Structures are given as structure tokens and as C-alpha cells.
C-alpha atoms as a PDB file:
ATOM      1  CA  MET A   1     -67.551 -40.252  63.216  1.00  0.00           C
ATOM      2  CA  LYS A   2     -67.872 -37.882  60.975  1.00  0.00           C
ATOM      3  CA  ARG A   3     -65.198 -35.550  62.271  1.00  0.00           C
ATOM      4  CA  PHE A   4     -62.910 -38.654  61.965  1.00  0.00           C
ATOM      5  CA  PHE A   5     -63.730 -38.801  58.459  1.00  0.00           C
ATOM      6  CA  SER A   6     -63.337 -35.376  57.419  1.00  0.00           C
ATOM      7  CA  ILE A   7     -59.503 -35.572  58.583  1.00  0.00           C
ATOM      8  CA  THR A   8     -58.804 -38.612  56.612  1.00  0.00           C
ATOM      9  CA  ALA A   9     -59.923 -37.069  53.791  1.00  0.00           C
ATOM     10  CA  VAL A  10     -58.265 -34.235  53.787  1.00  0.00           C
ATOM     11  CA  CYS A  11     -54.907 -36.428  54.498  1.00  0.00           C
ATOM     12  CA  GLY A  12     -55.479 -38.305  51.663  1.00  0.00           C
ATOM     13  CA  CYS A  13     -56.485 -35.668  49.369  1.00  0.00           C
ATOM     14  CA  LEU A  14     -52.407 -34.161  51.153  1.00  0.00           C
ATOM     15  CA  CYS A  15     -50.951 -37.771  50.260  1.00  0.00           C
ATOM     16  CA  LEU A  16     -52.190 -37.372  46.743  1.00  0.00           C
ATOM     17  CA  PHE A  17     -51.523 -34.177  46.303  1.00  0.00           C
ATOM     18  CA  ALA A  18     -47.657 -34.753  47.400  1.00  0.00           C
ATOM     19  CA  ALA A  19     -46.649 -38.299  45.844  1.00  0.00           C
ATOM     20  CA  CYS A  20     -48.016 -36.223  42.195  1.00  0.00           C
ATOM     21  CA  LYS A  21     -45.219 -33.652  42.966  1.00  0.00           C
ATOM     22  CA  ILE A  22     -42.398 -36.074  43.191  1.00  0.00           C
ATOM     23  CA  LYS A  23     -44.360 -37.853  40.308  1.00  0.00           C
ATOM     24  CA  SER A  24     -43.577 -34.762  37.921  1.00  0.00           C
ATOM     25  CA  ALA A  25     -40.211 -33.368  39.615  1.00  0.00           C
ATOM     26  CA  PRO A  26     -38.046 -32.490  36.353  1.00  0.00           C
ATOM     27  CA  PRO A  27     -35.405 -35.192  35.470  1.00  0.00           C
ATOM     28  CA  GLU A  28     -31.936 -33.629  36.921  1.00  0.00           C
ATOM     29  CA  GLU A  29     -29.906 -31.761  33.821  1.00  0.00           C
ATOM     30  CA  THR A  30     -27.194 -32.760  32.529  1.00  0.00           C
ATOM     31  CA  LEU A  31     -24.502 -30.044  30.143  1.00  0.00           C
ATOM     32  CA  PRO A  32     -23.549 -31.066  26.690  1.00  0.00           C
ATOM     33  CA  ILE A  33     -20.004 -31.292  26.085  1.00  0.00           C
ATOM     34  CA  ALA A  34     -19.056 -28.922  23.532  1.00  0.00           C
ATOM     35  CA  SER A  35     -17.017 -30.679  20.557  1.00  0.00           C
ATOM     36  CA  VAL A  36     -12.952 -28.179  19.688  1.00  0.00           C
ATOM     37  CA  ARG A  37     -10.595 -29.154  18.021  1.00  0.00           C
ATOM     38  CA  ALA A  38      -7.563 -28.337  20.018  1.00  0.00           C
ATOM     39  CA  VAL A  39      -4.090 -27.689  18.880  1.00  0.00           C
ATOM     40  CA  GLN A  40      -0.090 -26.987  20.578  1.00  0.00           C
ATOM     41  CA  PRO A  41       1.639 -23.572  20.437  1.00  0.00           C
ATOM     42  CA  VAL A  42       5.205 -23.463  17.836  1.00  0.00           C
ATOM     43  CA  LEU A  43       7.481 -21.436  17.933  1.00  0.00           C
ATOM     44  CA  GLY A  44       8.748 -19.961  14.872  1.00  0.00           C
ATOM     45  CA  THR A  45       9.039 -16.718  12.259  1.00  0.00           C
ATOM     46  CA  ILE A  46       6.320 -14.708  11.584  1.00  0.00           C
ATOM     47  CA  GLN A  47       6.268 -11.391   9.786  1.00  0.00           C
ATOM     48  CA  ARG A  48       3.306  -8.274   8.948  1.00  0.00           C
ATOM     49  CA  GLU A  49       3.795  -6.447   5.775  1.00  0.00           C
ATOM     50  CA  ALA A  50       2.608  -4.017   3.541  1.00  0.00           C
ATOM     51  CA  ASN A  51       0.789  -3.701   0.803  1.00  0.00           C
ATOM     52  CA  PHE A  52       1.031  -0.991  -1.700  1.00  0.00           C
ATOM     53  CA  ASN A  53      -0.437  -0.009  -5.155  1.00  0.00           C
ATOM     54  CA  GLY A  54       2.460  -0.246  -8.372  1.00  0.00           C
ATOM     55  CA  THR A  55       2.148   1.062 -12.338  1.00  0.00           C
ATOM     56  CA  THR A  56       4.901  -0.226 -14.938  1.00  0.00           C
ATOM     57  CA  VAL A  57       6.426   2.496 -16.446  1.00  0.00           C
ATOM     58  CA  HIS A  58       9.556   3.185 -19.208  1.00  0.00           C
ATOM     59  CA  LEU A  59      11.570   5.485 -17.921  1.00  0.00           C
ATOM     60  CA  LYS A  60      14.036   5.910 -20.980  1.00  0.00           C
ATOM     61  CA  LYS A  61      12.109   6.833 -23.726  1.00  0.00           C
ATOM     62  CA  SER A  62      13.797   8.046 -27.283  1.00  0.00           C
ATOM     63  CA  GLN A  63      12.105  10.405 -29.443  1.00  0.00           C
ATOM     64  CA  VAL A  64      13.946   9.846 -32.931  1.00  0.00           C
ATOM     65  CA  LEU A  65      13.311  13.289 -34.820  1.00  0.00           C
ATOM     66  CA  SER A  66      13.367  15.140 -37.727  1.00  0.00           C
ATOM     67  CA  PRO A  67      16.284  16.544 -39.177  1.00  0.00           C
ATOM     68  CA  VAL A  68      15.024  18.498 -41.341  1.00  0.00           C
ATOM     69  CA  ALA A  69      11.910  19.777 -42.921  1.00  0.00           C
ATOM     70  CA  GLY A  70      10.923  16.666 -45.694  1.00  0.00           C
ATOM     71  CA  TYR A  71       9.246  14.225 -47.087  1.00  0.00           C
ATOM     72  CA  VAL A  72       9.117  10.569 -45.958  1.00  0.00           C
ATOM     73  CA  VAL A  73      10.757   8.402 -49.153  1.00  0.00           C
ATOM     74  CA  ALA A  74      11.424   5.215 -47.298  1.00  0.00           C
ATOM     75  CA  VAL A  75      10.297   3.498 -43.674  1.00  0.00           C
ATOM     76  CA  HIS A  76      11.860   0.425 -42.330  1.00  0.00           C
ATOM     77  CA  LEU A  77       9.937  -0.336 -39.593  1.00  0.00           C
ATOM     78  CA  ARG A  78       7.214  -1.253 -38.418  1.00  0.00           C
ATOM     79  CA  PHE A  79       5.571  -0.540 -34.536  1.00  0.00           C
ATOM     80  CA  GLY A  80       6.587  -3.364 -31.696  1.00  0.00           C
ATOM     81  CA  GLN A  81       9.815  -3.732 -33.519  1.00  0.00           C
ATOM     82  CA  GLU A  82      12.706  -4.135 -32.165  1.00  0.00           C
ATOM     83  CA  VAL A  83      15.663  -2.577 -32.948  1.00  0.00           C
ATOM     84  CA  ARG A  84      19.162  -1.942 -32.324  1.00  0.00           C
ATOM     85  CA  ARG A  85      21.447   1.327 -32.182  1.00  0.00           C
ATOM     86  CA  GLY A  86      22.379   2.869 -35.572  1.00  0.00           C
ATOM     87  CA  GLN A  87      19.307   0.686 -37.651  1.00  0.00           C
ATOM     88  CA  LEU A  88      18.292   2.603 -40.552  1.00  0.00           C
ATOM     89  CA  LEU A  89      14.837   3.427 -39.535  1.00  0.00           C
ATOM     90  CA  PHE A  90      13.229   6.113 -42.265  1.00  0.00           C
ATOM     91  CA  GLU A  91      14.718   8.253 -45.241  1.00  0.00           C
ATOM     92  CA  LEU A  92      13.500  11.819 -46.271  1.00  0.00           C
ATOM     93  CA  ILE A  93      14.282  14.237 -49.254  1.00  0.00           C
ATOM     94  CA  THR A  94      13.976  18.286 -48.271  1.00  0.00           C
ATOM     95  CA  ARG A  95      12.137  20.140 -49.938  1.00  0.00           C
ATOM     96  CA  GLU A  96      14.320  21.749 -52.463  1.00  0.00           C
ATOM     97  CA  THR A  97      15.060  17.263 -54.165  1.00  0.00           C
ATOM     98  CA  LYS A  98      11.515  17.331 -54.255  1.00  0.00           C
ATOM     99  CA  ALA A  99      11.485  20.080 -56.343  1.00  0.00           C
ATOM    100  CA  LEU A 100      14.746  18.832 -57.888  1.00  0.00           C
ATOM    101  CA  GLU A 101      13.066  14.918 -57.744  1.00  0.00           C
ATOM    102  CA  SER A 102      13.905  14.603 -61.683  1.00  0.00           C
ATOM    103  CA  VAL A 103      17.478  15.506 -61.361  1.00  0.00           C
ATOM    104  CA  SER A 104      18.076  13.932 -57.799  1.00  0.00           C
ATOM    105  CA  GLU A 105      16.861  10.035 -59.315  1.00  0.00           C
ATOM    106  CA  ALA A 106      18.982  10.346 -62.452  1.00  0.00           C
ATOM    107  CA  SER A 107      21.498  10.770 -59.742  1.00  0.00           C
ATOM    108  CA  GLY A 108      20.663   8.303 -57.580  1.00  0.00           C
ATOM    109  CA  MET A 109      18.986  10.696 -55.517  1.00  0.00           C
ATOM    110  CA  ALA A 110      22.023  11.817 -54.206  1.00  0.00           C
ATOM    111  CA  GLY A 111      19.602  13.842 -51.662  1.00  0.00           C
ATOM    112  CA  LYS A 112      18.769  11.567 -48.966  1.00  0.00           C
ATOM    113  CA  ILE A 113      19.026  11.474 -45.381  1.00  0.00           C
ATOM    114  CA  GLN A 114      18.778   8.753 -44.050  1.00  0.00           C
ATOM    115  CA  ILE A 115      17.439   8.329 -40.797  1.00  0.00           C
ATOM    116  CA  ALA A 116      19.073   5.197 -37.818  1.00  0.00           C
ATOM    117  CA  ALA A 117      17.723   4.360 -33.938  1.00  0.00           C
ATOM    118  CA  ASN A 118      19.507   6.200 -31.783  1.00  0.00           C
ATOM    119  CA  ALA A 119      19.374   3.532 -28.912  1.00  0.00           C
ATOM    120  CA  ASP A 120      18.363  -0.170 -28.587  1.00  0.00           C
ATOM    121  CA  GLY A 121      15.140  -0.733 -27.842  1.00  0.00           C
ATOM    122  CA  PHE A 122      11.918  -1.285 -29.427  1.00  0.00           C
ATOM    123  CA  ILE A 123       9.066   1.186 -31.048  1.00  0.00           C
ATOM    124  CA  SER A 124       6.555   2.173 -28.875  1.00  0.00           C
ATOM    125  CA  ASP A 125       5.225   4.927 -30.607  1.00  0.00           C
ATOM    126  CA  LEU A 126       5.801   4.761 -34.467  1.00  0.00           C
ATOM    127  CA  ASN A 127       4.482   8.218 -35.886  1.00  0.00           C
ATOM    128  CA  ILE A 128       5.146   7.747 -39.853  1.00  0.00           C
ATOM    129  CA  THR A 129       3.964   4.647 -41.255  1.00  0.00           C
ATOM    130  CA  ASP A 130       3.754   5.228 -45.112  1.00  0.00           C
ATOM    131  CA  SER A 131       6.281   6.920 -47.777  1.00  0.00           C
ATOM    132  CA  GLY A 132       5.081  10.687 -49.301  1.00  0.00           C
ATOM    133  CA  VAL A 133       4.122  12.354 -45.117  1.00  0.00           C
ATOM    134  CA  PHE A 134       5.433  16.323 -45.156  1.00  0.00           C
ATOM    135  CA  VAL A 135       7.585  16.075 -42.158  1.00  0.00           C
ATOM    136  CA  PRO A 136       8.342  19.603 -40.296  1.00  0.00           C
ATOM    137  CA  GLU A 137      11.684  19.445 -38.873  1.00  0.00           C
ATOM    138  CA  GLY A 138      11.744  18.191 -35.189  1.00  0.00           C
ATOM    139  CA  SER A 139       9.005  16.361 -35.520  1.00  0.00           C
ATOM    140  CA  THR A 140       8.535  13.162 -33.673  1.00  0.00           C
ATOM    141  CA  LEU A 141       8.584  10.547 -35.780  1.00  0.00           C
ATOM    142  CA  CYS A 142       9.114   7.000 -33.629  1.00  0.00           C
ATOM    143  CA  THR A 143       9.708   6.724 -29.940  1.00  0.00           C
ATOM    144  CA  ILE A 144      11.857   3.930 -28.646  1.00  0.00           C
ATOM    145  CA  VAL A 145      11.903   2.196 -25.366  1.00  0.00           C
ATOM    146  CA  ASN A 146      14.494  -0.449 -23.878  1.00  0.00           C
ATOM    147  CA  HIS A 147      12.449  -3.241 -21.931  1.00  0.00           C
ATOM    148  CA  LYS A 148      15.356  -3.048 -19.720  1.00  0.00           C
ATOM    149  CA  ASP A 149      14.783  -0.382 -17.711  1.00  0.00           C
ATOM    150  CA  LEU A 150      11.519  -1.271 -16.804  1.00  0.00           C
ATOM    151  CA  MET A 151      10.548   0.009 -13.192  1.00  0.00           C
ATOM    152  CA  ILE A 152       7.378  -0.031 -11.420  1.00  0.00           C
ATOM    153  CA  ARG A 153       6.275   2.660 -10.101  1.00  0.00           C
ATOM    154  CA  LEU A 154       5.271   3.552  -6.495  1.00  0.00           C
ATOM    155  CA  ASN A 155       3.089   6.399  -4.751  1.00  0.00           C
ATOM    156  CA  VAL A 156       3.773   5.264  -1.153  1.00  0.00           C
ATOM    157  CA  PRO A 157       3.185   8.409   2.275  1.00  0.00           C
ATOM    158  CA  TYR A 158       5.323   9.911   3.586  1.00  0.00           C
ATOM    159  CA  GLU A 159       4.990   8.051   7.212  1.00  0.00           C
ATOM    160  CA  ASP A 160       5.426   4.591   5.332  1.00  0.00           C
ATOM    161  CA  VAL A 161       8.308   5.430   2.767  1.00  0.00           C
ATOM    162  CA  HIS A 162      11.107   4.197   5.663  1.00  0.00           C
ATOM    163  CA  ILE A 163       9.730   0.644   4.824  1.00  0.00           C
ATOM    164  CA  THR A 164      10.874   0.535   1.511  1.00  0.00           C
ATOM    165  CA  GLY A 165      14.263   1.625   1.805  1.00  0.00           C
ATOM    166  CA  LYS A 166      16.560   1.866  -0.740  1.00  0.00           C
ATOM    167  CA  GLU A 167      17.601  -1.823  -2.570  1.00  0.00           C
ATOM    168  CA  ARG A 168      14.827  -3.458   0.102  1.00  0.00           C
ATOM    169  CA  LYS A 169      13.301  -7.142  -1.135  1.00  0.00           C
ATOM    170  CA  CYS A 170       9.621  -7.263  -2.311  1.00  0.00           C
ATOM    171  CA  ARG A 171       7.118  -9.392  -3.348  1.00  0.00           C
ATOM    172  CA  ILE A 172       5.251  -8.657  -6.909  1.00  0.00           C
ATOM    173  CA  ARG A 173       1.770  -9.466  -7.566  1.00  0.00           C
ATOM    174  CA  LEU A 174       0.642  -9.882 -11.342  1.00  0.00           C
ATOM    175  CA  ALA A 175      -2.531  -9.381 -12.007  1.00  0.00           C
ATOM    176  CA  ASP A 176      -2.827 -13.005 -13.154  1.00  0.00           C
ATOM    177  CA  GLN A 177      -1.862 -14.158  -9.358  1.00  0.00           C
ATOM    178  CA  THR A 178       1.239 -15.209 -10.362  1.00  0.00           C
ATOM    179  CA  GLU A 179       4.677 -13.515  -7.904  1.00  0.00           C
ATOM    180  CA  ILE A 180       7.965 -12.103  -8.821  1.00  0.00           C
ATOM    181  CA  ASN A 181      10.687 -10.487  -7.095  1.00  0.00           C
ATOM    182  CA  GLY A 182      11.047  -7.169  -6.987  1.00  0.00           C
ATOM    183  CA  SER A 183      13.851  -4.837  -4.873  1.00  0.00           C
ATOM    184  CA  VAL A 184      14.050  -0.884  -4.283  1.00  0.00           C
ATOM    185  CA  VAL A 185      16.219   1.101  -6.437  1.00  0.00           C
ATOM    186  CA  ARG A 186      15.586   4.567  -6.102  1.00  0.00           C
ATOM    187  CA  ILE A 187      12.793   7.310  -3.752  1.00  0.00           C
ATOM    188  CA  LEU A 188      12.675  10.051  -5.658  1.00  0.00           C
ATOM    189  CA  PRO A 189      13.642  13.634  -2.619  1.00  0.00           C
ATOM    190  CA  SER A 190      10.608  15.129  -3.500  1.00  0.00           C
ATOM    191  CA  VAL A 191       6.261  14.790  -2.221  1.00  0.00           C
ATOM    192  CA  GLU A 192       3.058  15.195  -4.133  1.00  0.00           C
ATOM    193  CA  GLY A 193       1.529  17.871  -2.354  1.00  0.00           C
ATOM    194  CA  SER A 194      -1.660  17.362  -2.013  1.00  0.00           C
ATOM    195  CA  THR A 195      -1.320  13.500  -1.657  1.00  0.00           C
ATOM    196  CA  GLN A 196       1.895  14.053   0.275  1.00  0.00           C
ATOM    197  CA  THR A 197       3.250  10.535  -1.193  1.00  0.00           C
ATOM    198  CA  GLN A 198       6.541  10.042  -2.857  1.00  0.00           C
ATOM    199  CA  THR A 199       7.185   8.257  -5.299  1.00  0.00           C
ATOM    200  CA  VAL A 200       9.927   5.008  -5.029  1.00  0.00           C
ATOM    201  CA  LEU A 201      11.319   3.140  -7.971  1.00  0.00           C
ATOM    202  CA  VAL A 202      11.798  -0.800  -7.984  1.00  0.00           C
ATOM    203  CA  LYS A 203      13.329  -3.184  -9.979  1.00  0.00           C
ATOM    204  CA  PRO A 204      11.685  -6.304 -11.157  1.00  0.00           C
ATOM    205  CA  GLU A 205      13.656  -9.692 -10.879  1.00  0.00           C
ATOM    206  CA  THR A 206      12.477 -11.805 -13.820  1.00  0.00           C
ATOM    207  CA  ILE A 207      12.982 -12.315 -17.458  1.00  0.00           C
ATOM    208  CA  ARG A 208       9.926 -11.787 -18.235  1.00  0.00           C
ATOM    209  CA  LEU A 209       8.268  -8.895 -20.319  1.00  0.00           C
ATOM    210  CA  LEU A 210       6.373  -6.906 -18.479  1.00  0.00           C
ATOM    211  CA  PRO A 211       3.904  -4.205 -20.141  1.00  0.00           C
ATOM    212  CA  GLU A 212       4.442  -0.339 -20.049  1.00  0.00           C
ATOM    213  CA  ASN A 213       0.813   0.232 -17.387  1.00  0.00           C
ATOM    214  CA  LEU A 214       0.448  -2.573 -15.855  1.00  0.00           C
ATOM    215  CA  ASN A 215      -1.370  -2.629 -11.586  1.00  0.00           C
ATOM    216  CA  LEU A 216       1.413  -4.615  -9.836  1.00  0.00           C
ATOM    217  CA  ILE A 217       0.448  -5.023  -5.920  1.00  0.00           C
ATOM    218  CA  LEU A 218       3.713  -4.742  -4.048  1.00  0.00           C
ATOM    219  CA  PHE A 219       4.309  -6.242  -0.608  1.00  0.00           C
ATOM    220  CA  PHE A 220       6.929  -4.823   2.459  1.00  0.00           C
ATOM    221  CA  VAL A 221       7.374  -6.555   5.424  1.00  0.00           C
ATOM    222  CA  ARG A 222       6.275  -4.042   7.956  1.00  0.00           C
ATOM    223  CA  GLU A 223       7.683  -6.496  11.073  1.00  0.00           C
ATOM    224  CA  LYS A 224       9.224  -9.375  11.774  1.00  0.00           C
ATOM    225  CA  HIS A 225       9.829 -11.349  14.901  1.00  0.00           C
ATOM    226  CA  ASP A 226      12.289 -15.276  14.686  1.00  0.00           C
ATOM    227  CA  ASN A 227      11.325 -17.150  17.706  1.00  0.00           C
ATOM    228  CA  ALA A 228       7.425 -16.387  18.431  1.00  0.00           C
ATOM    229  CA  LEU A 229       4.994 -18.184  20.022  1.00  0.00           C
ATOM    230  CA  LEU A 230       2.475 -18.778  17.615  1.00  0.00           C
ATOM    231  CA  VAL A 231      -0.663 -19.995  17.709  1.00  0.00           C
ATOM    232  CA  PRO A 232      -3.985 -20.298  14.750  1.00  0.00           C
ATOM    233  CA  ARG A 233      -5.574 -17.320  14.222  1.00  0.00           C
ATOM    234  CA  SER A 234      -8.481 -18.784  14.667  1.00  0.00           C
ATOM    235  CA  ALA A 235      -8.141 -19.240  18.226  1.00  0.00           C
ATOM    236  CA  LEU A 236      -7.255 -15.690  19.314  1.00  0.00           C
ATOM    237  CA  MET A 237     -10.350 -14.601  20.467  1.00  0.00           C
ATOM    238  CA  SER A 238     -11.326 -10.976  21.353  1.00  0.00           C
ATOM    239  CA  ASP A 239     -13.885  -8.627  22.622  1.00  0.00           C
ATOM    240  CA  GLU A 240     -16.099  -6.086  20.488  1.00  0.00           C
ATOM    241  CA  LYS A 241     -14.057  -2.944  20.754  1.00  0.00           C
ATOM    242  CA  GLN A 242     -10.870  -5.785  19.710  1.00  0.00           C
ATOM    243  CA  LYS A 243      -8.486  -4.736  23.183  1.00  0.00           C
ATOM    244  CA  GLU A 244      -8.496  -7.294  25.261  1.00  0.00           C
ATOM    245  CA  PHE A 245      -7.939 -11.083  24.215  1.00  0.00           C
ATOM    246  CA  TRP A 246      -7.005 -14.332  24.848  1.00  0.00           C
ATOM    247  CA  VAL A 247      -7.308 -17.893  23.958  1.00  0.00           C
ATOM    248  CA  MET A 248      -8.956 -20.786  25.603  1.00  0.00           C
ATOM    249  CA  ARG A 249      -6.788 -24.184  26.894  1.00  0.00           C
ATOM    250  CA  ILE A 250      -7.631 -27.494  27.489  1.00  0.00           C
ATOM    251  CA  VAL A 251      -6.567 -28.736  31.145  1.00  0.00           C
ATOM    252  CA  GLU A 252      -7.007 -31.762  33.304  1.00  0.00           C
ATOM    253  CA  GLY A 253     -10.581 -33.524  33.158  1.00  0.00           C
ATOM    254  CA  ASN A 254     -11.263 -32.446  29.664  1.00  0.00           C
ATOM    255  CA  THR A 255     -11.669 -28.873  30.445  1.00  0.00           C
ATOM    256  CA  ALA A 256     -11.998 -25.397  28.837  1.00  0.00           C
ATOM    257  CA  ILE A 257     -10.629 -22.494  30.429  1.00  0.00           C
ATOM    258  CA  LYS A 258      -9.227 -18.866  29.256  1.00  0.00           C
ATOM    259  CA  VAL A 259      -6.589 -18.068  29.632  1.00  0.00           C
ATOM    260  CA  PRO A 260      -5.926 -13.499  28.624  1.00  0.00           C
ATOM    261  CA  VAL A 261      -3.351 -13.266  26.690  1.00  0.00           C
ATOM    262  CA  VAL A 262      -0.751 -10.714  24.579  1.00  0.00           C
ATOM    263  CA  LYS A 263      -1.064  -9.544  21.497  1.00  0.00           C
ATOM    264  CA  GLY A 264       1.956  -9.572  18.979  1.00  0.00           C
ATOM    265  CA  ILE A 265       2.062 -10.144  14.507  1.00  0.00           C
ATOM    266  CA  GLU A 266      -1.090 -11.679  13.553  1.00  0.00           C
ATOM    267  CA  ASN A 267      -1.442 -12.746   9.158  1.00  0.00           C
ATOM    268  CA  ASP A 268      -4.073 -14.238   7.414  1.00  0.00           C
ATOM    269  CA  SER A 269      -3.836 -17.531   9.536  1.00  0.00           C
ATOM    270  CA  LEU A 270      -1.446 -17.278  12.204  1.00  0.00           C
ATOM    271  CA  ALA A 271      -1.561 -15.049  15.638  1.00  0.00           C
ATOM    272  CA  GLU A 272       1.880 -14.063  17.998  1.00  0.00           C
ATOM    273  CA  VAL A 273       1.169 -14.946  21.846  1.00  0.00           C
ATOM    274  CA  VAL A 274       4.132 -13.004  23.511  1.00  0.00           C
ATOM    275  CA  SER A 275       2.739 -13.192  26.874  1.00  0.00           C
ATOM    276  CA  PRO A 276       1.727 -15.409  28.608  1.00  0.00           C
ATOM    277  CA  VAL A 277       4.419 -18.279  27.797  1.00  0.00           C
ATOM    278  CA  LEU A 278       2.278 -21.096  26.687  1.00  0.00           C
ATOM    279  CA  GLY A 279       4.031 -24.594  27.251  1.00  0.00           C
ATOM    280  CA  SER A 280       4.723 -26.670  24.651  1.00  0.00           C
ATOM    281  CA  ASP A 281       2.305 -28.916  25.444  1.00  0.00           C
ATOM    282  CA  ASP A 282      -0.737 -27.278  26.806  1.00  0.00           C
ATOM    283  CA  LEU A 283      -3.297 -27.889  23.843  1.00  0.00           C
ATOM    284  CA  ILE A 284      -5.196 -24.301  22.566  1.00  0.00           C
ATOM    285  CA  ILE A 285      -8.793 -24.531  20.836  1.00  0.00           C
ATOM    286  CA  PHE A 286      -8.518 -22.842  16.975  1.00  0.00           C
ATOM    287  CA  GLU A 287     -11.997 -24.173  16.205  1.00  0.00           C
ATOM    288  CA  GLY A 288     -15.094 -24.456  18.857  1.00  0.00           C
ATOM    289  CA  ALA A 289     -13.823 -21.735  21.388  1.00  0.00           C
ATOM    290  CA  TYR A 290     -16.080 -18.971  20.073  1.00  0.00           C
ATOM    291  CA  GLY A 291     -18.864 -18.313  22.086  1.00  0.00           C
ATOM    292  CA  LEU A 292     -17.614 -21.085  25.374  1.00  0.00           C
ATOM    293  CA  PRO A 293     -17.920 -20.019  28.090  1.00  0.00           C
ATOM    294  CA  ASP A 294     -15.096 -20.893  31.228  1.00  0.00           C
ATOM    295  CA  SER A 295     -14.715 -24.060  32.201  1.00  0.00           C
ATOM    296  CA  THR A 296     -17.029 -25.754  30.041  1.00  0.00           C
ATOM    297  CA  LEU A 297     -16.344 -29.083  29.553  1.00  0.00           C
ATOM    298  CA  VAL A 298     -15.133 -30.063  25.869  1.00  0.00           C
ATOM    299  CA  SER A 299     -14.107 -32.661  23.852  1.00  0.00           C
ATOM    300  CA  ILE A 300     -11.870 -33.120  21.606  1.00  0.00           C
ATOM    301  CA  VAL A 301     -12.275 -34.084  18.130  1.00  0.00           C
ATOM    302  CA  LYS A 302      -9.158 -34.865  15.123  1.00  0.00           C
END
């Protein structure tokens, strides 16, 4: 009888233990569904640009020189003034005339030497501002520059000069973030020894008066593809070494699968997919794809 009660007690404990195990079993886990945004690939044009720093420069600078040694008796201009070729700028008298000043005044200052502008433009440098100054022969009185001859000078690495061929068009971004167009007019046939750069001159296509020594950024098309298969740049995933690329395509059942691709040109917003060919009805994840495992269930949000 004692043995019977012992067996009954053991069986009861085993049943109680099994019941506790069944009760404490964790519920079946369900994987969360990722919320993503998707878009269809499109055909379009994409280009890759190269940019270079440039500085405005006046190519034509006409210096007005004193033809003789003498004294300035009249100045008919001011700094920054626009002048015309042949316009009177300065009047001088020689030392001899100065010595006979009383006689010259009685004869109407016949010994005056008039100096006129030798080009159209504006006065960029004015060395003589007042009368009474003695100037040696050949000294620079002022400098005239013509804003119509304003160019943008680039120092382009020799290996990239082919991008800036003659008459090649470009975009020019000014310091105030506005943009104008320009075209290459000349490539100088020499290379700077230490930097191995070649000087390229670009003509800005604008009626806006640009000052000299203004720093600009110029953009040239390095490569351009038409009828390219394009996806948002954010849709293109890659490994840490940027050697392998893929996109996440949504298939039936809202499953995102990993599709390895060959990348072409990319810019700030778009990327070209060279292969495989994606259909115009394919849905490619462009938001929420980062770190998403292959064959993940997703929910498309707008």
C-alpha cells in the first residue's frame, strides 16, 4: 500500500511538471513587416560632371604712359570711370615750359601736352589723381581695361584637359549661387611645371558685369548617357568597399528580394542601372531598403 502511494505521488508530480511546461511555452513569434517606399524605374538622360575652380581676369589692360617728363596740370578722369578711345585724360607741361610758366600763361599755355585714352573701357588703376605732380617719362598714369574682354581662367589638370575642349559649353556658378553659361575660347599650349596643369580660358555668356579676381566654379559634362535606365540614388545599395551593388525589388506577395546590378553613371539624385534590365512595372525600394535582408515581407507606404 505504501508503494502504491509512492508511485501515485511520483506520477502526480510528473503530470504537474508537464502542465507547467505546456503553460510556460512561449507563443509563436511573427516577423515584423517593414514599411518601405517604392518607385518604378524610368528611361531618361543622365550625365556626370567635372568641376573646376576659376577666376575672372581681364585680358586687355591698356596702360596710359607719360610721353615726356613733366608736371601734371590737369586730370580729367576719376577711378572707375568709363572712357572712350581718344577721350582727354591728362594735361602735362615739360620742365622747360614750367620754367617759362609766366611766358606760357601769357601765350595761353601753348606748351601743354594732352594725353588721351588709347582704348575703350574703364579706369581700373589711377596713379595720378591731382595736378602739380611731377611724372618721369614712360611712367604709368592710369590703366584702362575693357570689360568685354573679361575671361575666366582655369588651371585644369593635364589629364582632364580633353573635357574642356575648344568651344565646349559649361555651367558657371557664381558666389551668390546664381548660374550662367560659358564656352571655352582658348587652351594655352603650355603646362605649369609643378602642378602639371594647363591654362584654359572661358568666355562667360552674360551681359552682367563681373568684377576681376572673382572666384567661380565651372561644370563640364564628363560623360552623358541617353535612354538610360534610372532609379533614385537612394535605391542603390552597396557593400562597404563600394564594389558590389544591388537593389531591392518587390515581387508578388510583397516580398523584397535582392537583385545584384551593375551601376553606371550617378549624380546627386539618380543612378543608372546598366544590367540586369529592369521592367517599367518593377517596384524598386528607394526608402527603407538599408539593411533589409533578402526575402523580407514589406508593406508599401505612399
